[in-house]
Every structure is written in C-alpha cells, then in structure tokens.
Amino acid sequence: MVSHVLRPLRAFAPSYFDDIFVHSRAEDGLSAVDVHLRHLRKVFEKMRENKLYANLKKCVFCAPEIPVLGCYVSKSGVRADPEKISSICSWPTPKNQTELRQWLGLANYLHKYTKDYAGLIQPMSSLLKKDVAWNWRPEHQDAFDAVKKSLATDGDEEPASLSTHGAMALVLCRVQLRRTLQAGQE
C-alpha cells in the first residue's frame, strides 16, 4: 500500500512495508536541507491525499544516521547494528546442530560485513550434513571464533547504495496506516 502510494516519489522516498526513508542532497543551488524540506512536503502531501498518517513517536527527522533493516545508514555508508554484532559475538559455543544452525542464521544476516564469510564458515558446514555425528573439534572452534572476530573488526562502514555526493539529510518515518472507515465498509 505505502509503496504503491509513494511510487512516484521513490527517487528520494523509497519505502519498505510501512517505513519511508526520505533522503536528499544539495541540488540546483539549494542546500540539502532546503531540498529535504521540499521532499518531506511532497511525501506528507501524498500521505494526506491517501489518508496515511505518520506515527510521530516512531519518526526520526534530519538524523545523520537511521536504522534500516538491521543496519545503520548514513551519508558515509552502511554499518551493521552493533547490538546484532554483540549478540553474535557473545553467542556460546554450539552444542548441537540446532544451535549451530541458529547461530549461522544470525551470522549469515550480517555476512556482508565479514571478509570471506563462506570460507570462514566452511569447516562448520560439515557438521550440518545429515547422518553426521556431532563432533565439535578445534577447527570448528577456530572457524566459529574467526567469524566472530571478523564481525567485531570488519562490521563497520560499507559504501552506501544511495548517492552521497554533497551533504545529505536523512529522515525515517514509520507510517501507521490509519484509514478513515465508514460504518459498514471493510
């Protein structure tokens, strides 16, 4: 719904489910802030036309960095959520296949912040095969520790996919869909 409504504005206001990410940069002699205010006005007008309302408690305006899908985006790049990295790094050594699958699932979410993730986890992959007895050996522990270490040290900035030439102002709004419903309408 939100994506459909904001489709004409997606160049500066992409959305994901009920999150709208408005980003702006200086252009045509205007500052990034002036352009950003224009963009916000267009987004709010489109929302009003479609009876969509932002929940102000969930909005972040003119932030240098915003949370997006488990990462933080700024004009200098994208970085992993420190809480997710901490969660992965503090995970105890797996004691069975299920625990290893759980940890790998979480670690895989942030694999792009780990150098040679596939190579690092390769020794542990053999433990996930059917009909293989669980036998956690030193090479598995070394691989487990290497992924943690790589995330702890490499989980910083990746280049942002948004164009970041010049100053950029960012805003995040979570849109709460509250349509006015007439009695008897669904």
C-alpha atoms as a PDB file:
ATOM      1  CA  MET A   1       0.000   0.000   0.000  1.00  0.00           C
ATOM      2  CA  VAL A   2       2.610   2.549   1.088  1.00  0.00           C
ATOM      3  CA  SER A   3       4.981   1.525  -1.716  1.00  0.00           C
ATOM      4  CA  HIS A   4       2.192   1.894  -4.264  1.00  0.00           C
ATOM      5  CA  VAL A   5       1.138   5.319  -2.961  1.00  0.00           C
ATOM      6  CA  LEU A   6       4.719   6.631  -2.882  1.00  0.00           C
ATOM      7  CA  ARG A   7       5.848   5.078  -6.183  1.00  0.00           C
ATOM      8  CA  PRO A   8       6.071   8.496  -7.927  1.00  0.00           C
ATOM      9  CA  LEU A   9       8.398   9.720  -5.142  1.00  0.00           C
ATOM     10  CA  ARG A  10      10.657   6.666  -4.899  1.00  0.00           C
ATOM     11  CA  ALA A  11      13.682   8.548  -6.284  1.00  0.00           C
ATOM     12  CA  PHE A  12      14.002  10.305  -2.907  1.00  0.00           C
ATOM     13  CA  ALA A  13      11.496   8.437  -0.705  1.00  0.00           C
ATOM     14  CA  PRO A  14      11.864   4.669  -1.044  1.00  0.00           C
ATOM     15  CA  SER A  15       9.698   2.629   1.299  1.00  0.00           C
ATOM     16  CA  TYR A  16       9.758  -0.828   2.797  1.00  0.00           C
ATOM     17  CA  PHE A  17       6.426  -2.044   4.142  1.00  0.00           C
ATOM     18  CA  ASP A  18       5.413   0.826   6.437  1.00  0.00           C
ATOM     19  CA  ASP A  19       8.820   2.539   6.633  1.00  0.00           C
ATOM     20  CA  ILE A  20       9.612   5.526   4.435  1.00  0.00           C
ATOM     21  CA  PHE A  21      13.203   6.677   4.020  1.00  0.00           C
ATOM     22  CA  VAL A  22      13.458  10.225   2.719  1.00  0.00           C
ATOM     23  CA  HIS A  23      16.946  11.207   1.589  1.00  0.00           C
ATOM     24  CA  SER A  24      18.047  14.419  -0.071  1.00  0.00           C
ATOM     25  CA  ARG A  25      21.167  16.130  -1.293  1.00  0.00           C
ATOM     26  CA  ALA A  26      22.034  19.634  -2.388  1.00  0.00           C
ATOM     27  CA  GLU A  27      20.975  20.403  -5.964  1.00  0.00           C
ATOM     28  CA  ASP A  28      20.169  23.326  -8.247  1.00  0.00           C
ATOM     29  CA  GLY A  29      21.822  25.815  -5.888  1.00  0.00           C
ATOM     30  CA  LEU A  30      19.682  24.692  -2.928  1.00  0.00           C
ATOM     31  CA  SER A  31      21.138  23.263   0.263  1.00  0.00           C
ATOM     32  CA  ALA A  32      20.469  19.639   1.201  1.00  0.00           C
ATOM     33  CA  VAL A  33      18.171  20.867   3.968  1.00  0.00           C
ATOM     34  CA  ASP A  34      16.098  23.012   1.575  1.00  0.00           C
ATOM     35  CA  VAL A  35      15.767  20.127  -0.876  1.00  0.00           C
ATOM     36  CA  HIS A  36      14.937  17.807   2.014  1.00  0.00           C
ATOM     37  CA  LEU A  37      12.141  20.079   3.210  1.00  0.00           C
ATOM     38  CA  ARG A  38      10.674  20.046  -0.318  1.00  0.00           C
ATOM     39  CA  HIS A  39      10.867  16.270  -0.396  1.00  0.00           C
ATOM     40  CA  LEU A  40       9.207  15.972   3.008  1.00  0.00           C
ATOM     41  CA  ARG A  41       6.400  18.272   1.895  1.00  0.00           C
ATOM     42  CA  LYS A  42       5.765  16.099  -1.186  1.00  0.00           C
ATOM     43  CA  VAL A  43       5.750  12.922   0.914  1.00  0.00           C
ATOM     44  CA  PHE A  44       3.385  14.392   3.512  1.00  0.00           C
ATOM     45  CA  GLU A  45       1.054  15.721   0.793  1.00  0.00           C
ATOM     46  CA  LYS A  46       0.913  12.297  -0.856  1.00  0.00           C
ATOM     47  CA  MET A  47       0.252  10.681   2.515  1.00  0.00           C
ATOM     48  CA  ARG A  48      -2.521  13.161   3.296  1.00  0.00           C
ATOM     49  CA  GLU A  49      -4.169  12.573  -0.111  1.00  0.00           C
ATOM     50  CA  ASN A  50      -4.297   8.867   0.714  1.00  0.00           C
ATOM     51  CA  LYS A  51      -5.255   9.264   4.375  1.00  0.00           C
ATOM     52  CA  LEU A  52      -1.988   7.814   5.657  1.00  0.00           C
ATOM     53  CA  TYR A  53      -0.576   9.199   8.886  1.00  0.00           C
ATOM     54  CA  ALA A  54       2.906   9.086  10.364  1.00  0.00           C
ATOM     55  CA  ASN A  55       3.252   7.957  13.949  1.00  0.00           C
ATOM     56  CA  LEU A  56       5.446  10.789  15.256  1.00  0.00           C
ATOM     57  CA  LYS A  57       6.735   8.629  18.121  1.00  0.00           C
ATOM     58  CA  LYS A  58       8.362   6.403  15.507  1.00  0.00           C
ATOM     59  CA  CYS A  59       9.750   9.171  13.299  1.00  0.00           C
ATOM     60  CA  VAL A  60      13.339  10.356  13.157  1.00  0.00           C
ATOM     61  CA  PHE A  61      13.874  13.676  11.393  1.00  0.00           C
ATOM     62  CA  CYS A  62      17.115  15.117   9.997  1.00  0.00           C
ATOM     63  CA  ALA A  63      19.208  12.377  11.540  1.00  0.00           C
ATOM     64  CA  PRO A  64      22.813  11.852  10.468  1.00  0.00           C
ATOM     65  CA  GLU A  65      22.146   8.096  10.610  1.00  0.00           C
ATOM     66  CA  ILE A  66      18.996   5.948  10.505  1.00  0.00           C
ATOM     67  CA  PRO A  67      18.251   2.294  11.290  1.00  0.00           C
ATOM     68  CA  VAL A  68      17.256   0.314   8.187  1.00  0.00           C
ATOM     69  CA  LEU A  69      16.629  -3.449   8.243  1.00  0.00           C
ATOM     70  CA  GLY A  70      19.144  -4.280  10.950  1.00  0.00           C
ATOM     71  CA  CYS A  71      21.796  -1.835   9.751  1.00  0.00           C
ATOM     72  CA  TYR A  72      22.509   1.862  10.116  1.00  0.00           C
ATOM     73  CA  VAL A  73      22.649   4.065   7.012  1.00  0.00           C
ATOM     74  CA  SER A  74      24.398   7.433   6.863  1.00  0.00           C
ATOM     75  CA  LYS A  75      25.905   9.564   4.145  1.00  0.00           C
ATOM     76  CA  SER A  76      29.246   7.839   4.692  1.00  0.00           C
ATOM     77  CA  GLY A  77      27.923   4.316   4.293  1.00  0.00           C
ATOM     78  CA  VAL A  78      26.132   1.390   5.881  1.00  0.00           C
ATOM     79  CA  ARG A  79      27.217  -0.325   9.071  1.00  0.00           C
ATOM     80  CA  ALA A  80      25.930  -3.333  10.940  1.00  0.00           C
ATOM     81  CA  ASP A  81      23.786  -2.846  14.021  1.00  0.00           C
ATOM     82  CA  PRO A  82      26.207  -3.046  16.985  1.00  0.00           C
ATOM     83  CA  GLU A  83      23.587  -4.936  19.025  1.00  0.00           C
ATOM     84  CA  LYS A  84      23.406  -7.657  16.369  1.00  0.00           C
ATOM     85  CA  ILE A  85      27.196  -7.905  16.246  1.00  0.00           C
ATOM     86  CA  SER A  86      27.307  -8.117  20.040  1.00  0.00           C
ATOM     87  CA  SER A  87      24.656 -10.832  20.008  1.00  0.00           C
ATOM     88  CA  ILE A  88      26.651 -12.902  17.502  1.00  0.00           C
ATOM     89  CA  CYS A  89      29.956 -12.330  19.300  1.00  0.00           C
ATOM     90  CA  SER A  90      28.594 -13.250  22.731  1.00  0.00           C
ATOM     91  CA  TRP A  91      26.908 -16.440  21.487  1.00  0.00           C
ATOM     92  CA  PRO A  92      28.207 -19.503  23.358  1.00  0.00           C
ATOM     93  CA  THR A  93      29.845 -22.391  21.518  1.00  0.00           C
ATOM     94  CA  PRO A  94      27.122 -24.505  19.864  1.00  0.00           C
ATOM     95  CA  LYS A  95      26.483 -27.872  21.479  1.00  0.00           C
ATOM     96  CA  ASN A  96      24.476 -29.436  18.625  1.00  0.00           C
ATOM     97  CA  GLN A  97      23.328 -28.963  15.017  1.00  0.00           C
ATOM     98  CA  THR A  98      20.283 -26.919  16.010  1.00  0.00           C
ATOM     99  CA  GLU A  99      22.347 -24.393  17.963  1.00  0.00           C
ATOM    100  CA  LEU A 100      24.889 -24.164  15.131  1.00  0.00           C
ATOM    101  CA  ARG A 101      22.089 -23.554  12.592  1.00  0.00           C
ATOM    102  CA  GLN A 102      20.652 -20.813  14.822  1.00  0.00           C
ATOM    103  CA  TRP A 103      23.996 -19.074  15.153  1.00  0.00           C
ATOM    104  CA  LEU A 104      24.814 -19.405  11.438  1.00  0.00           C
ATOM    105  CA  GLY A 105      21.389 -17.978  10.581  1.00  0.00           C
ATOM    106  CA  LEU A 106      22.096 -14.894  12.659  1.00  0.00           C
ATOM    107  CA  ALA A 107      25.697 -14.573  11.464  1.00  0.00           C
ATOM    108  CA  ASN A 108      24.610 -15.015   7.839  1.00  0.00           C
ATOM    109  CA  TYR A 109      22.341 -11.976   8.151  1.00  0.00           C
ATOM    110  CA  LEU A 110      25.481  -9.847   8.548  1.00  0.00           C
ATOM    111  CA  HIS A 111      27.760 -11.886   6.255  1.00  0.00           C
ATOM    112  CA  LYS A 112      28.464  -8.900   4.001  1.00  0.00           C
ATOM    113  CA  TYR A 113      30.357  -7.308   6.899  1.00  0.00           C
ATOM    114  CA  THR A 114      32.639 -10.352   7.215  1.00  0.00           C
ATOM    115  CA  LYS A 115      35.603 -10.852   4.922  1.00  0.00           C
ATOM    116  CA  ASP A 116      35.442 -14.283   3.241  1.00  0.00           C
ATOM    117  CA  TYR A 117      32.377 -15.382   5.224  1.00  0.00           C
ATOM    118  CA  ALA A 118      31.853 -18.525   3.109  1.00  0.00           C
ATOM    119  CA  GLY A 119      35.480 -19.539   3.592  1.00  0.00           C
ATOM    120  CA  LEU A 120      35.352 -18.897   7.325  1.00  0.00           C
ATOM    121  CA  ILE A 121      32.237 -20.996   7.955  1.00  0.00           C
ATOM    122  CA  GLN A 122      33.282 -23.853   5.656  1.00  0.00           C
ATOM    123  CA  PRO A 123      34.713 -26.063   8.452  1.00  0.00           C
ATOM    124  CA  MET A 124      31.418 -25.789  10.374  1.00  0.00           C
ATOM    125  CA  SER A 125      29.327 -26.660   7.306  1.00  0.00           C
ATOM    126  CA  SER A 126      30.378 -30.304   7.508  1.00  0.00           C
ATOM    127  CA  LEU A 127      28.612 -30.549  10.886  1.00  0.00           C
ATOM    128  CA  LEU A 128      25.282 -29.623   9.265  1.00  0.00           C
ATOM    129  CA  LYS A 129      25.095 -32.637   6.956  1.00  0.00           C
ATOM    130  CA  LYS A 130      22.507 -35.322   7.642  1.00  0.00           C
ATOM    131  CA  ASP A 131      23.768 -38.504   9.248  1.00  0.00           C
ATOM    132  CA  VAL A 132      26.943 -36.802  10.519  1.00  0.00           C
ATOM    133  CA  ALA A 133      27.653 -37.291  14.203  1.00  0.00           C
ATOM    134  CA  TRP A 134      28.162 -34.086  16.175  1.00  0.00           C
ATOM    135  CA  ASN A 135      31.848 -33.770  16.971  1.00  0.00           C
ATOM    136  CA  TRP A 136      32.935 -30.181  17.691  1.00  0.00           C
ATOM    137  CA  ARG A 137      36.681 -30.112  17.097  1.00  0.00           C
ATOM    138  CA  PRO A 138      39.327 -27.367  17.364  1.00  0.00           C
ATOM    139  CA  GLU A 139      38.979 -26.450  13.657  1.00  0.00           C
ATOM    140  CA  HIS A 140      35.257 -25.814  14.225  1.00  0.00           C
ATOM    141  CA  GLN A 141      36.013 -23.625  17.240  1.00  0.00           C
ATOM    142  CA  ASP A 142      38.654 -21.757  15.231  1.00  0.00           C
ATOM    143  CA  ALA A 143      36.133 -21.090  12.440  1.00  0.00           C
ATOM    144  CA  PHE A 144      33.484 -20.023  14.978  1.00  0.00           C
ATOM    145  CA  ASP A 145      35.930 -17.610  16.620  1.00  0.00           C
ATOM    146  CA  ALA A 146      37.171 -16.305  13.247  1.00  0.00           C
ATOM    147  CA  VAL A 147      33.653 -15.287  12.167  1.00  0.00           C
ATOM    148  CA  LYS A 148      33.108 -13.528  15.497  1.00  0.00           C
ATOM    149  CA  LYS A 149      36.454 -11.736  15.242  1.00  0.00           C
ATOM    150  CA  SER A 150      35.827 -10.708  11.643  1.00  0.00           C
ATOM    151  CA  LEU A 151      32.414  -9.272  12.515  1.00  0.00           C
ATOM    152  CA  ALA A 152      33.787  -7.442  15.541  1.00  0.00           C
ATOM    153  CA  THR A 153      36.548  -5.804  13.493  1.00  0.00           C
ATOM    154  CA  ASP A 154      35.083  -5.579   9.971  1.00  0.00           C
ATOM    155  CA  GLY A 155      31.440  -4.764  10.784  1.00  0.00           C
ATOM    156  CA  ASP A 156      31.969  -1.094  10.049  1.00  0.00           C
ATOM    157  CA  GLU A 157      31.172   1.066   7.074  1.00  0.00           C
ATOM    158  CA  GLU A 158      30.289  -0.295   3.664  1.00  0.00           C
ATOM    159  CA  PRO A 159      29.702   2.224   0.888  1.00  0.00           C
ATOM    160  CA  ALA A 160      26.098   3.400   0.884  1.00  0.00           C
ATOM    161  CA  SER A 161      23.974   2.433  -2.073  1.00  0.00           C
ATOM    162  CA  LEU A 162      22.358   5.862  -2.038  1.00  0.00           C
ATOM    163  CA  SER A 163      24.171   8.574  -3.935  1.00  0.00           C
ATOM    164  CA  THR A 164      26.082  10.532  -1.324  1.00  0.00           C
ATOM    165  CA  HIS A 165      27.581  13.404  -3.296  1.00  0.00           C
ATOM    166  CA  GLY A 166      27.491  16.558  -1.227  1.00  0.00           C
ATOM    167  CA  ALA A 167      25.681  16.957   2.060  1.00  0.00           C
ATOM    168  CA  MET A 168      22.756  14.641   2.631  1.00  0.00           C
ATOM    169  CA  ALA A 169      19.908  14.976   5.073  1.00  0.00           C
ATOM    170  CA  LEU A 170      18.094  11.815   6.124  1.00  0.00           C
ATOM    171  CA  VAL A 171      14.757  11.135   7.741  1.00  0.00           C
ATOM    172  CA  LEU A 172      12.947   7.968   8.679  1.00  0.00           C
ATOM    173  CA  CYS A 173       9.200   7.822   9.175  1.00  0.00           C
ATOM    174  CA  ARG A 174       7.223   4.769  10.122  1.00  0.00           C
ATOM    175  CA  VAL A 175       3.818   5.204   8.626  1.00  0.00           C
ATOM    176  CA  GLN A 176       0.918   3.931  10.599  1.00  0.00           C
ATOM    177  CA  LEU A 177      -1.935   3.001   8.320  1.00  0.00           C
ATOM    178  CA  ARG A 178      -4.998   4.574   9.859  1.00  0.00           C
ATOM    179  CA  ARG A 179      -7.640   4.997   7.218  1.00  0.00           C
ATOM    180  CA  THR A 180     -10.958   6.615   7.974  1.00  0.00           C
ATOM    181  CA  LEU A 181     -13.511   3.825   7.674  1.00  0.00           C
ATOM    182  CA  GLN A 182     -17.209   4.437   7.217  1.00  0.00           C
ATOM    183  CA  ALA A 183     -19.583   2.158   9.125  1.00  0.00           C
ATOM    184  CA  GLY A 184     -20.174  -0.998   7.109  1.00  0.00           C
ATOM    185  CA  GLN A 185     -17.034  -0.609   4.961  1.00  0.00           C
ATOM    186  CA  GLU A 186     -14.168  -3.051   5.176  1.00  0.00           C
END
